[in-house]
Amino acid sequence: NAFSSPNYPKLAEVNTNIEYHKSFIHVEEPVKPLVVHDKMDDNIAIVK
């Protein structure tokens, strides 16, 4: 169990069945054409 999501609930859990937590799952309505962006700028830094 390598990952955590402390500030947002799980979307689903798999046991004997797949239990979906529907109130937390994003629903895209109305459905629009997918837009694939192709620009990112990596001129950033992280300071701890």
ModelCIF file with pLDDT and N, C-alpha, C, O atoms, coordinates in Angstrom:
data_MODEL
#
_entry.id   MODEL 
#
_entity.id                         1 
_entity.type                       polymer 
_entity.pdbx_number_of_molecules   1 
#
_entity_poly.entity_id                      1 
_entity_poly.type                           'polypeptide(L)' 
_entity_poly.nstd_linkage                   no 
_entity_poly.nstd_monomer                   no 
_entity_poly.pdbx_seq_one_letter_code       NAFSSPNYPKLAEVNTNIEYHKSFIHVEEPVKPLVVHDKMDDNIAIVK 
_entity_poly.pdbx_seq_one_letter_code_can   NAFSSPNYPKLAEVNTNIEYHKSFIHVEEPVKPLVVHDKMDDNIAIVK 
_entity_poly.pdbx_strand_id                 A 
#
loop_
_entity_poly_seq.entity_id 
_entity_poly_seq.num 
_entity_poly_seq.mon_id 
_entity_poly_seq.hetero 
1 1  ASN n 
1 2  ALA n 
1 3  PHE n 
1 4  SER n 
1 5  SER n 
1 6  PRO n 
1 7  ASN n 
1 8  TYR n 
1 9  PRO n 
1 10 LYS n 
1 11 LEU n 
1 12 ALA n 
1 13 GLU n 
1 14 VAL n 
1 15 ASN n 
1 16 THR n 
1 17 ASN n 
1 18 ILE n 
1 19 GLU n 
1 20 TYR n 
1 21 HIS n 
1 22 LYS n 
1 23 SER n 
1 24 PHE n 
1 25 ILE n 
1 26 HIS n 
1 27 VAL n 
1 28 GLU n 
1 29 GLU n 
1 30 PRO n 
1 31 VAL n 
1 32 LYS n 
1 33 PRO n 
1 34 LEU n 
1 35 VAL n 
1 36 VAL n 
1 37 HIS n 
1 38 ASP n 
1 39 LYS n 
1 40 MET n 
1 41 ASP n 
1 42 ASP n 
1 43 ASN n 
1 44 ILE n 
1 45 ALA n 
1 46 ILE n 
1 47 VAL n 
1 48 LYS n 
#
_struct_asym.id          A 
_struct_asym.entity_id   1 
#
loop_
_ma_qa_metric.id 
_ma_qa_metric.mode 
_ma_qa_metric.name 
_ma_qa_metric.software_group_id 
_ma_qa_metric.type 
1 global pLDDT . pLDDT 
2 local  pLDDT . pLDDT 
#
_ma_qa_metric_global.metric_id      1 
_ma_qa_metric_global.metric_value   95.02 
_ma_qa_metric_global.model_id       1 
_ma_qa_metric_global.ordinal_id     1 
#
loop_
_ma_qa_metric_local.label_asym_id 
_ma_qa_metric_local.label_comp_id 
_ma_qa_metric_local.label_seq_id 
_ma_qa_metric_local.metric_id 
_ma_qa_metric_local.metric_value 
_ma_qa_metric_local.model_id 
_ma_qa_metric_local.ordinal_id 
A ASN 1  2 88.00 1 1  
A ALA 2  2 91.00 1 2  
A PHE 3  2 94.00 1 3  
A SER 4  2 94.00 1 4  
A SER 5  2 96.00 1 5  
A PRO 6  2 94.00 1 6  
A ASN 7  2 95.00 1 7  
A TYR 8  2 96.00 1 8  
A PRO 9  2 96.00 1 9  
A LYS 10 2 97.00 1 10 
A LEU 11 2 98.00 1 11 
A ALA 12 2 97.00 1 12 
A GLU 13 2 97.00 1 13 
A VAL 14 2 96.00 1 14 
A ASN 15 2 92.00 1 15 
A THR 16 2 91.00 1 16 
A ASN 17 2 92.00 1 17 
A ILE 18 2 94.00 1 18 
A GLU 19 2 96.00 1 19 
A TYR 20 2 97.00 1 20 
A HIS 21 2 97.00 1 21 
A LYS 22 2 95.00 1 22 
A SER 23 2 96.00 1 23 
A PHE 24 2 96.00 1 24 
A ILE 25 2 96.00 1 25 
A HIS 26 2 94.00 1 26 
A VAL 27 2 92.00 1 27 
A GLU 28 2 87.00 1 28 
A GLU 29 2 86.00 1 29 
A PRO 30 2 89.00 1 30 
A VAL 31 2 91.00 1 31 
A LYS 32 2 95.00 1 32 
A PRO 33 2 96.00 1 33 
A LEU 34 2 97.00 1 34 
A VAL 35 2 98.00 1 35 
A VAL 36 2 98.00 1 36 
A HIS 37 2 98.00 1 37 
A ASP 38 2 97.00 1 38 
A LYS 39 2 97.00 1 39 
A MET 40 2 98.00 1 40 
A ASP 41 2 98.00 1 41 
A ASP 42 2 97.00 1 42 
A ASN 43 2 97.00 1 43 
A ILE 44 2 97.00 1 44 
A ALA 45 2 97.00 1 45 
A ILE 46 2 97.00 1 46 
A VAL 47 2 97.00 1 47 
A LYS 48 2 97.00 1 48 
#
loop_
_atom_site.group_PDB 
_atom_site.id 
_atom_site.type_symbol 
_atom_site.label_atom_id 
_atom_site.label_alt_id 
_atom_site.label_comp_id 
_atom_site.label_asym_id 
_atom_site.label_entity_id 
_atom_site.label_seq_id 
_atom_site.pdbx_PDB_ins_code 
_atom_site.Cartn_x 
_atom_site.Cartn_y 
_atom_site.Cartn_z 
_atom_site.occupancy 
_atom_site.B_iso_or_equiv 
_atom_site.pdbx_formal_charge 
_atom_site.auth_seq_id 
_atom_site.auth_comp_id 
_atom_site.auth_asym_id 
_atom_site.auth_atom_id 
_atom_site.pdbx_PDB_model_num 
ATOM 1   N N  . ASN A 1 1  ? 0.858   -1.185 0.000   1.00 88.00 ? 1  ASN A N  1 
ATOM 2   C CA . ASN A 1 1  ? 0.000   0.000  0.000   1.00 88.00 ? 1  ASN A CA 1 
ATOM 3   C C  . ASN A 1 1  ? 0.892   1.232  0.000   1.00 88.00 ? 1  ASN A C  1 
ATOM 4   O O  . ASN A 1 1  ? 1.185   1.796  1.054   1.00 88.00 ? 1  ASN A O  1 
ATOM 5   N N  . ALA A 1 2  ? 1.325   1.650  -1.194  1.00 91.00 ? 2  ALA A N  1 
ATOM 6   C CA . ALA A 1 2  ? 2.402   2.639  -1.315  1.00 91.00 ? 2  ALA A CA 1 
ATOM 7   C C  . ALA A 1 2  ? 1.932   4.078  -1.377  1.00 91.00 ? 2  ALA A C  1 
ATOM 8   O O  . ALA A 1 2  ? 2.745   4.992  -1.239  1.00 91.00 ? 2  ALA A O  1 
ATOM 9   N N  . PHE A 1 3  ? 0.623   4.309  -1.583  1.00 94.00 ? 3  PHE A N  1 
ATOM 10  C CA . PHE A 1 3  ? 0.146   5.668  -1.836  1.00 94.00 ? 3  PHE A CA 1 
ATOM 11  C C  . PHE A 1 3  ? -0.865  6.121  -0.789  1.00 94.00 ? 3  PHE A C  1 
ATOM 12  O O  . PHE A 1 3  ? -1.571  5.316  -0.182  1.00 94.00 ? 3  PHE A O  1 
ATOM 13  N N  . SER A 1 4  ? -0.908  7.432  -0.601  1.00 94.00 ? 4  SER A N  1 
ATOM 14  C CA . SER A 1 4  ? -1.875  8.039  0.318   1.00 94.00 ? 4  SER A CA 1 
ATOM 15  C C  . SER A 1 4  ? -2.551  9.226  -0.354  1.00 94.00 ? 4  SER A C  1 
ATOM 16  O O  . SER A 1 4  ? -2.001  9.845  -1.264  1.00 94.00 ? 4  SER A O  1 
ATOM 17  N N  . SER A 1 5  ? -3.755  9.525  0.116   1.00 96.00 ? 5  SER A N  1 
ATOM 18  C CA . SER A 1 5  ? -4.510  10.694 -0.340  1.00 96.00 ? 5  SER A CA 1 
ATOM 19  C C  . SER A 1 5  ? -5.184  11.313 0.880   1.00 96.00 ? 5  SER A C  1 
ATOM 20  O O  . SER A 1 5  ? -6.388  11.147 1.075   1.00 96.00 ? 5  SER A O  1 
ATOM 21  N N  . PRO A 1 6  ? -4.415  12.026 1.704   1.00 94.00 ? 6  PRO A N  1 
ATOM 22  C CA . PRO A 1 6  ? -4.943  12.472 2.999   1.00 94.00 ? 6  PRO A CA 1 
ATOM 23  C C  . PRO A 1 6  ? -6.029  13.536 2.925   1.00 94.00 ? 6  PRO A C  1 
ATOM 24  O O  . PRO A 1 6  ? -6.843  13.660 3.841   1.00 94.00 ? 6  PRO A O  1 
ATOM 25  N N  . ASN A 1 7  ? -6.047  14.301 1.845   1.00 95.00 ? 7  ASN A N  1 
ATOM 26  C CA . ASN A 1 7  ? -6.990  15.418 1.779   1.00 95.00 ? 7  ASN A CA 1 
ATOM 27  C C  . ASN A 1 7  ? -8.179  15.184 0.853   1.00 95.00 ? 7  ASN A C  1 
ATOM 28  O O  . ASN A 1 7  ? -8.979  16.088 0.611   1.00 95.00 ? 7  ASN A O  1 
ATOM 29  N N  . TYR A 1 8  ? -8.284  13.963 0.339   1.00 96.00 ? 8  TYR A N  1 
ATOM 30  C CA . TYR A 1 8  ? -9.447  13.648 -0.503  1.00 96.00 ? 8  TYR A CA 1 
ATOM 31  C C  . TYR A 1 8  ? -9.751  12.163 -0.350  1.00 96.00 ? 8  TYR A C  1 
ATOM 32  O O  . TYR A 1 8  ? -8.833  11.343 -0.359  1.00 96.00 ? 8  TYR A O  1 
ATOM 33  N N  . PRO A 1 9  ? -11.040 11.800 -0.209  1.00 96.00 ? 9  PRO A N  1 
ATOM 34  C CA . PRO A 1 9  ? -11.385 10.386 0.029   1.00 96.00 ? 9  PRO A CA 1 
ATOM 35  C C  . PRO A 1 9  ? -11.066 9.490  -1.171  1.00 96.00 ? 9  PRO A C  1 
ATOM 36  O O  . PRO A 1 9  ? -10.909 9.960  -2.298  1.00 96.00 ? 9  PRO A O  1 
ATOM 37  N N  . LYS A 1 10 ? -10.976 8.204  -0.898  1.00 97.00 ? 10 LYS A N  1 
ATOM 38  C CA . LYS A 1 10 ? -10.820 7.220  -1.972  1.00 97.00 ? 10 LYS A CA 1 
ATOM 39  C C  . LYS A 1 10 ? -12.036 7.266  -2.894  1.00 97.00 ? 10 LYS A C  1 
ATOM 40  O O  . LYS A 1 10 ? -13.159 7.507  -2.451  1.00 97.00 ? 10 LYS A O  1 
ATOM 41  N N  . LEU A 1 11 ? -11.795 7.033  -4.166  1.00 98.00 ? 11 LEU A N  1 
ATOM 42  C CA . LEU A 1 11 ? -12.900 7.002  -5.133  1.00 98.00 ? 11 LEU A CA 1 
ATOM 43  C C  . LEU A 1 11 ? -13.555 5.622  -5.185  1.00 98.00 ? 11 LEU A C  1 
ATOM 44  O O  . LEU A 1 11 ? -14.737 5.494  -5.504  1.00 98.00 ? 11 LEU A O  1 
ATOM 45  N N  . ALA A 1 12 ? -12.776 4.605  -4.869  1.00 97.00 ? 12 ALA A N  1 
ATOM 46  C CA . ALA A 1 12 ? -13.320 3.240  -4.875  1.00 97.00 ? 12 ALA A CA 1 
ATOM 47  C C  . ALA A 1 12 ? -12.414 2.340  -4.058  1.00 97.00 ? 12 ALA A C  1 
ATOM 48  O O  . ALA A 1 12 ? -11.229 2.625  -3.880  1.00 97.00 ? 12 ALA A O  1 
ATOM 49  N N  . GLU A 1 13 ? -12.986 1.244  -3.559  1.00 97.00 ? 13 GLU A N  1 
ATOM 50  C CA . GLU A 1 13 ? -12.232 0.222  -2.846  1.00 97.00 ? 13 GLU A CA 1 
ATOM 51  C C  . GLU A 1 13 ? -12.605 -1.135 -3.415  1.00 97.00 ? 13 GLU A C  1 
ATOM 52  O O  . GLU A 1 13 ? -13.773 -1.413 -3.687  1.00 97.00 ? 13 GLU A O  1 
ATOM 53  N N  . VAL A 1 14 ? -11.604 -1.966 -3.586  1.00 96.00 ? 14 VAL A N  1 
ATOM 54  C CA . VAL A 1 14 ? -11.824 -3.290 -4.158  1.00 96.00 ? 14 VAL A CA 1 
ATOM 55  C C  . VAL A 1 14 ? -11.684 -4.332 -3.057  1.00 96.00 ? 14 VAL A C  1 
ATOM 56  O O  . VAL A 1 14 ? -10.606 -4.519 -2.493  1.00 96.00 ? 14 VAL A O  1 
ATOM 57  N N  . ASN A 1 15 ? -12.783 -5.003 -2.763  1.00 92.00 ? 15 ASN A N  1 
ATOM 58  C CA . ASN A 1 15 ? -12.787 -6.134 -1.846  1.00 92.00 ? 15 ASN A CA 1 
ATOM 59  C C  . ASN A 1 15 ? -13.388 -7.315 -2.610  1.00 92.00 ? 15 ASN A C  1 
ATOM 60  O O  . ASN A 1 15 ? -12.898 -7.642 -3.691  1.00 92.00 ? 15 ASN A O  1 
ATOM 61  N N  . THR A 1 16 ? -14.412 -7.954 -2.099  1.00 91.00 ? 16 THR A N  1 
ATOM 62  C CA . THR A 1 16 ? -15.058 -8.996 -2.896  1.00 91.00 ? 16 THR A CA 1 
ATOM 63  C C  . THR A 1 16 ? -15.807 -8.378 -4.071  1.00 91.00 ? 16 THR A C  1 
ATOM 64  O O  . THR A 1 16 ? -16.005 -9.026 -5.098  1.00 91.00 ? 16 THR A O  1 
ATOM 65  N N  . ASN A 1 17 ? -16.223 -7.115 -3.914  1.00 92.00 ? 17 ASN A N  1 
ATOM 66  C CA . ASN A 1 17 ? -16.809 -6.323 -4.999  1.00 92.00 ? 17 ASN A CA 1 
ATOM 67  C C  . ASN A 1 17 ? -16.057 -5.015 -5.099  1.00 92.00 ? 17 ASN A C  1 
ATOM 68  O O  . ASN A 1 17 ? -15.266 -4.674 -4.219  1.00 92.00 ? 17 ASN A O  1 
ATOM 69  N N  . ILE A 1 18 ? -16.306 -4.280 -6.178  1.00 94.00 ? 18 ILE A N  1 
ATOM 70  C CA . ILE A 1 18 ? -15.755 -2.931 -6.303  1.00 94.00 ? 18 ILE A CA 1 
ATOM 71  C C  . ILE A 1 18 ? -16.795 -1.958 -5.762  1.00 94.00 ? 18 ILE A C  1 
ATOM 72  O O  . ILE A 1 18 ? -17.892 -1.840 -6.306  1.00 94.00 ? 18 ILE A O  1 
ATOM 73  N N  . GLU A 1 19 ? -16.441 -1.268 -4.692  1.00 96.00 ? 19 GLU A N  1 
ATOM 74  C CA . GLU A 1 19 ? -17.355 -0.309 -4.080  1.00 96.00 ? 19 GLU A CA 1 
ATOM 75  C C  . GLU A 1 19 ? -16.944 1.100  -4.501  1.00 96.00 ? 19 GLU A C  1 
ATOM 76  O O  . GLU A 1 19 ? -15.883 1.584  -4.106  1.00 96.00 ? 19 GLU A O  1 
ATOM 77  N N  . TYR A 1 20 ? -17.780 1.754  -5.297  1.00 97.00 ? 20 TYR A N  1 
ATOM 78  C CA . TYR A 1 20 ? -17.509 3.108  -5.762  1.00 97.00 ? 20 TYR A CA 1 
ATOM 79  C C  . TYR A 1 20 ? -18.121 4.128  -4.797  1.00 97.00 ? 20 TYR A C  1 
ATOM 80  O O  . TYR A 1 20 ? -19.277 3.996  -4.395  1.00 97.00 ? 20 TYR A O  1 
ATOM 81  N N  . HIS A 1 21 ? -17.344 5.135  -4.433  1.00 97.00 ? 21 HIS A N  1 
ATOM 82  C CA . HIS A 1 21 ? -17.841 6.213  -3.582  1.00 97.00 ? 21 HIS A CA 1 
ATOM 83  C C  . HIS A 1 21 ? -18.267 7.360  -4.501  1.00 97.00 ? 21 HIS A C  1 
ATOM 84  O O  . HIS A 1 21 ? -17.519 8.308  -4.739  1.00 97.00 ? 21 HIS A O  1 
ATOM 85  N N  . LYS A 1 22 ? -19.481 7.240  -5.002  1.00 95.00 ? 22 LYS A N  1 
ATOM 86  C CA . LYS A 1 22 ? -19.927 8.067  -6.127  1.00 95.00 ? 22 LYS A CA 1 
ATOM 87  C C  . LYS A 1 22 ? -19.937 9.559  -5.837  1.00 95.00 ? 22 LYS A C  1 
ATOM 88  O O  . LYS A 1 22 ? -19.723 10.367 -6.741  1.00 95.00 ? 22 LYS A O  1 
ATOM 89  N N  . SER A 1 23 ? -20.181 9.931  -4.592  1.00 96.00 ? 23 SER A N  1 
ATOM 90  C CA . SER A 1 23 ? -20.266 11.361 -4.284  1.00 96.00 ? 23 SER A CA 1 
ATOM 91  C C  . SER A 1 23 ? -18.920 12.066 -4.422  1.00 96.00 ? 23 SER A C  1 
ATOM 92  O O  . SER A 1 23 ? -18.870 13.294 -4.497  1.00 96.00 ? 23 SER A O  1 
ATOM 93  N N  . PHE A 1 24 ? -17.820 11.298 -4.458  1.00 96.00 ? 24 PHE A N  1 
ATOM 94  C CA . PHE A 1 24 ? -16.491 11.898 -4.565  1.00 96.00 ? 24 PHE A CA 1 
ATOM 95  C C  . PHE A 1 24 ? -15.904 11.790 -5.974  1.00 96.00 ? 24 PHE A C  1 
ATOM 96  O O  . PHE A 1 24 ? -14.824 12.314 -6.247  1.00 96.00 ? 24 PHE A O  1 
ATOM 97  N N  . ILE A 1 25 ? -16.623 11.108 -6.859  1.00 96.00 ? 25 ILE A N  1 
ATOM 98  C CA . ILE A 1 25 ? -16.115 10.878 -8.212  1.00 96.00 ? 25 ILE A CA 1 
ATOM 99  C C  . ILE A 1 25 ? -16.571 12.014 -9.131  1.00 96.00 ? 25 ILE A C  1 
ATOM 100 O O  . ILE A 1 25 ? -17.746 12.381 -9.155  1.00 96.00 ? 25 ILE A O  1 
ATOM 101 N N  . HIS A 1 26 ? -15.619 12.558 -9.882  1.00 94.00 ? 26 HIS A N  1 
ATOM 102 C CA . HIS A 1 26 ? -15.936 13.639 -10.819 1.00 94.00 ? 26 HIS A CA 1 
ATOM 103 C C  . HIS A 1 26 ? -16.801 13.109 -11.969 1.00 94.00 ? 26 HIS A C  1 
ATOM 104 O O  . HIS A 1 26 ? -16.560 12.025 -12.500 1.00 94.00 ? 26 HIS A O  1 
ATOM 105 N N  . VAL A 1 27 ? -17.809 13.896 -12.337 1.00 92.00 ? 27 VAL A N  1 
ATOM 106 C CA . VAL A 1 27 ? -18.655 13.574 -13.487 1.00 92.00 ? 27 VAL A CA 1 
ATOM 107 C C  . VAL A 1 27 ? -18.557 14.728 -14.471 1.00 92.00 ? 27 VAL A C  1 
ATOM 108 O O  . VAL A 1 27 ? -18.865 15.869 -14.125 1.00 92.00 ? 27 VAL A O  1 
ATOM 109 N N  . GLU A 1 28 ? -18.133 14.442 -15.685 1.00 87.00 ? 28 GLU A N  1 
ATOM 110 C CA . GLU A 1 28 ? -17.961 15.469 -16.710 1.00 87.00 ? 28 GLU A CA 1 
ATOM 111 C C  . GLU A 1 28 ? -19.279 15.657 -17.454 1.00 87.00 ? 28 GLU A C  1 
ATOM 112 O O  . GLU A 1 28 ? -19.625 14.880 -18.345 1.00 87.00 ? 28 GLU A O  1 
ATOM 113 N N  . GLU A 1 29 ? -20.006 16.706 -17.070 1.00 86.00 ? 29 GLU A N  1 
ATOM 114 C CA . GLU A 1 29 ? -21.276 17.011 -17.724 1.00 86.00 ? 29 GLU A CA 1 
ATOM 115 C C  . GLU A 1 29 ? -21.384 18.508 -17.977 1.00 86.00 ? 29 GLU A C  1 
ATOM 116 O O  . GLU A 1 29 ? -21.106 19.309 -17.084 1.00 86.00 ? 29 GLU A O  1 
ATOM 117 N N  . PRO A 1 30 ? -21.785 18.892 -19.180 1.00 89.00 ? 30 PRO A N  1 
ATOM 118 C CA . PRO A 1 30 ? -21.933 18.020 -20.350 1.00 89.00 ? 30 PRO A CA 1 
ATOM 119 C C  . PRO A 1 30 ? -20.565 17.609 -20.887 1.00 89.00 ? 30 PRO A C  1 
ATOM 120 O O  . PRO A 1 30 ? -19.564 18.289 -20.659 1.00 89.00 ? 30 PRO A O  1 
ATOM 121 N N  . VAL A 1 31 ? -20.537 16.501 -21.594 1.00 91.00 ? 31 VAL A N  1 
ATOM 122 C CA . VAL A 1 31 ? -19.277 16.021 -22.160 1.00 91.00 ? 31 VAL A CA 1 
ATOM 123 C C  . VAL A 1 31 ? -18.855 16.938 -23.304 1.00 91.00 ? 31 VAL A C  1 
ATOM 124 O O  . VAL A 1 31 ? -19.625 17.179 -24.235 1.00 91.00 ? 31 VAL A O  1 
ATOM 125 N N  . LYS A 1 32 ? -17.641 17.439 -23.227 1.00 95.00 ? 32 LYS A N  1 
ATOM 126 C CA . LYS A 1 32 ? -17.082 18.316 -24.258 1.00 95.00 ? 32 LYS A CA 1 
ATOM 127 C C  . LYS A 1 32 ? -15.917 17.612 -24.945 1.00 95.00 ? 32 LYS A C  1 
ATOM 128 O O  . LYS A 1 32 ? -15.388 16.633 -24.418 1.00 95.00 ? 32 LYS A O  1 
ATOM 129 N N  . PRO A 1 33 ? -15.518 18.095 -26.100 1.00 96.00 ? 33 PRO A N  1 
ATOM 130 C CA . PRO A 1 33 ? -14.375 17.480 -26.786 1.00 96.00 ? 33 PRO A CA 1 
ATOM 131 C C  . PRO A 1 33 ? -13.116 17.567 -25.924 1.00 96.00 ? 33 PRO A C  1 
ATOM 132 O O  . PRO A 1 33 ? -12.866 18.578 -25.268 1.00 96.00 ? 33 PRO A O  1 
ATOM 133 N N  . LEU A 1 34 ? -12.334 16.496 -25.936 1.00 97.00 ? 34 LEU A N  1 
ATOM 134 C CA . LEU A 1 34 ? -11.081 16.480 -25.190 1.00 97.00 ? 34 LEU A CA 1 
ATOM 135 C C  . LEU A 1 34 ? -10.118 17.509 -25.769 1.00 97.00 ? 34 LEU A C  1 
ATOM 136 O O  . LEU A 1 34 ? -9.963  17.609 -26.986 1.00 97.00 ? 34 LEU A O  1 
ATOM 137 N N  . VAL A 1 35 ? -9.478  18.265 -24.897 1.00 98.00 ? 35 VAL A N  1 
ATOM 138 C CA . VAL A 1 35 ? -8.422  19.192 -25.297 1.00 98.00 ? 35 VAL A CA 1 
ATOM 139 C C  . VAL A 1 35 ? -7.117  18.695 -24.688 1.00 98.00 ? 35 VAL A C  1 
ATOM 140 O O  . VAL A 1 35 ? -6.993  18.598 -23.467 1.00 98.00 ? 35 VAL A O  1 
ATOM 141 N N  . VAL A 1 36 ? -6.144  18.381 -25.541 1.00 98.00 ? 36 VAL A N  1 
ATOM 142 C CA . VAL A 1 36 ? -4.842  17.914 -25.069 1.00 98.00 ? 36 VAL A CA 1 
ATOM 143 C C  . VAL A 1 36 ? -3.862  19.078 -25.156 1.00 98.00 ? 36 VAL A C  1 
ATOM 144 O O  . VAL A 1 36 ? -3.510  19.527 -26.246 1.00 98.00 ? 36 VAL A O  1 
ATOM 145 N N  . HIS A 1 37 ? -3.433  19.552 -24.014 1.00 98.00 ? 37 HIS A N  1 
ATOM 146 C CA . HIS A 1 37 ? -2.475  20.657 -23.985 1.00 98.00 ? 37 HIS A CA 1 
ATOM 147 C C  . HIS A 1 37 ? -1.066  20.124 -24.225 1.00 98.00 ? 37 HIS A C  1 
ATOM 148 O O  . HIS A 1 37 ? -0.730  19.015 -23.810 1.00 98.00 ? 37 HIS A O  1 
ATOM 149 N N  . ASP A 1 38 ? -0.251  20.923 -24.897 1.00 97.00 ? 38 ASP A N  1 
ATOM 150 C CA . ASP A 1 38 ? 1.080   20.444 -25.265 1.00 97.00 ? 38 ASP A CA 1 
ATOM 151 C C  . ASP A 1 38 ? 2.198   21.398 -24.852 1.00 97.00 ? 38 ASP A C  1 
ATOM 152 O O  . ASP A 1 38 ? 3.279   21.396 -25.440 1.00 97.00 ? 38 ASP A O  1 
ATOM 153 N N  . LYS A 1 39 ? 1.922   22.218 -23.827 1.00 97.00 ? 39 LYS A N  1 
ATOM 154 C CA . LYS A 1 39 ? 2.958   23.140 -23.359 1.00 97.00 ? 39 LYS A CA 1 
ATOM 155 C C  . LYS A 1 39 ? 3.052   23.096 -21.836 1.00 97.00 ? 39 LYS A C  1 
ATOM 156 O O  . LYS A 1 39 ? 2.047   23.189 -21.132 1.00 97.00 ? 39 LYS A O  1 
ATOM 157 N N  . MET A 1 40 ? 4.271   22.953 -21.350 1.00 98.00 ? 40 MET A N  1 
ATOM 158 C CA . MET A 1 40 ? 4.570   23.089 -19.927 1.00 98.00 ? 40 MET A CA 1 
ATOM 159 C C  . MET A 1 40 ? 5.885   23.859 -19.814 1.00 98.00 ? 40 MET A C  1 
ATOM 160 O O  . MET A 1 40 ? 6.741   23.765 -20.693 1.00 98.00 ? 40 MET A O  1 
ATOM 161 N N  . ASP A 1 41 ? 6.039   24.606 -18.747 1.00 98.00 ? 41 ASP A N  1 
ATOM 162 C CA . ASP A 1 41 ? 7.262   25.375 -18.518 1.00 98.00 ? 41 ASP A CA 1 
ATOM 163 C C  . ASP A 1 41 ? 7.877   24.888 -17.218 1.00 98.00 ? 41 ASP A C  1 
ATOM 164 O O  . ASP A 1 41 ? 7.283   25.051 -16.151 1.00 98.00 ? 41 ASP A O  1 
ATOM 165 N N  . ASP A 1 42 ? 9.060   24.292 -17.294 1.00 97.00 ? 42 ASP A N  1 
ATOM 166 C CA . ASP A 1 42 ? 9.675   23.709 -16.099 1.00 97.00 ? 42 ASP A CA 1 
ATOM 167 C C  . ASP A 1 42 ? 10.658  24.653 -15.400 1.00 97.00 ? 42 ASP A C  1 
ATOM 168 O O  . ASP A 1 42 ? 11.504  24.202 -14.628 1.00 97.00 ? 42 ASP A O  1 
ATOM 169 N N  . ASN A 1 43 ? 10.553  25.948 -15.662 1.00 97.00 ? 43 ASN A N  1 
ATOM 170 C CA . ASN A 1 43 ? 11.416  26.920 -14.988 1.00 97.00 ? 43 ASN A CA 1 
ATOM 171 C C  . ASN A 1 43 ? 10.887  27.238 -13.590 1.00 97.00 ? 43 ASN A C  1 
ATOM 172 O O  . ASN A 1 43 ? 10.508  28.367 -13.278 1.00 97.00 ? 43 ASN A O  1 
ATOM 173 N N  . ILE A 1 44 ? 10.880  26.199 -12.770 1.00 97.00 ? 44 ILE A N  1 
ATOM 174 C CA . ILE A 1 44 ? 10.397  26.352 -11.398 1.00 97.00 ? 44 ILE A CA 1 
ATOM 175 C C  . ILE A 1 44 ? 11.401  25.694 -10.447 1.00 97.00 ? 44 ILE A C  1 
ATOM 176 O O  . ILE A 1 44 ? 12.316  24.988 -10.872 1.00 97.00 ? 44 ILE A O  1 
ATOM 177 N N  . ALA A 1 45 ? 11.205  25.941 -9.165  1.00 97.00 ? 45 ALA A N  1 
ATOM 178 C CA . ALA A 1 45 ? 12.051  25.334 -8.142  1.00 97.00 ? 45 ALA A CA 1 
ATOM 179 C C  . ALA A 1 45 ? 11.192  24.937 -6.958  1.00 97.00 ? 45 ALA A C  1 
ATOM 180 O O  . ALA A 1 45 ? 10.117  25.495 -6.739  1.00 97.00 ? 45 ALA A O  1 
ATOM 181 N N  . ILE A 1 46 ? 11.682  23.956 -6.191  1.00 97.00 ? 46 ILE A N  1 
ATOM 182 C CA . ILE A 1 46 ? 11.061  23.598 -4.913  1.00 97.00 ? 46 ILE A CA 1 
ATOM 183 C C  . ILE A 1 46 ? 12.048  23.956 -3.804  1.00 97.00 ? 46 ILE A C  1 
ATOM 184 O O  . ILE A 1 46 ? 13.217  23.574 -3.852  1.00 97.00 ? 46 ILE A O  1 
ATOM 185 N N  . VAL A 1 47 ? 11.564  24.687 -2.816  1.00 97.00 ? 47 VAL A N  1 
ATOM 186 C CA . VAL A 1 47 ? 12.383  25.030 -1.654  1.00 97.00 ? 47 VAL A CA 1 
ATOM 187 C C  . VAL A 1 47 ? 11.680  24.496 -0.415  1.00 97.00 ? 47 VAL A C  1 
ATOM 188 O O  . VAL A 1 47 ? 10.559  24.898 -0.105  1.00 97.00 ? 47 VAL A O  1 
ATOM 189 N N  . LYS A 1 48 ? 12.344  23.594 0.288   1.00 97.00 ? 48 LYS A N  1 
ATOM 190 C CA . LYS A 1 48 ? 11.801  23.067 1.538   1.00 97.00 ? 48 LYS A CA 1 
ATOM 191 C C  . LYS A 1 48 ? 12.455  23.806 2.697   1.00 97.00 ? 48 LYS A C  1 
ATOM 192 O O  . LYS A 1 48 ? 12.151  23.528 3.856   1.00 97.00 ? 48 LYS A O  1 
#
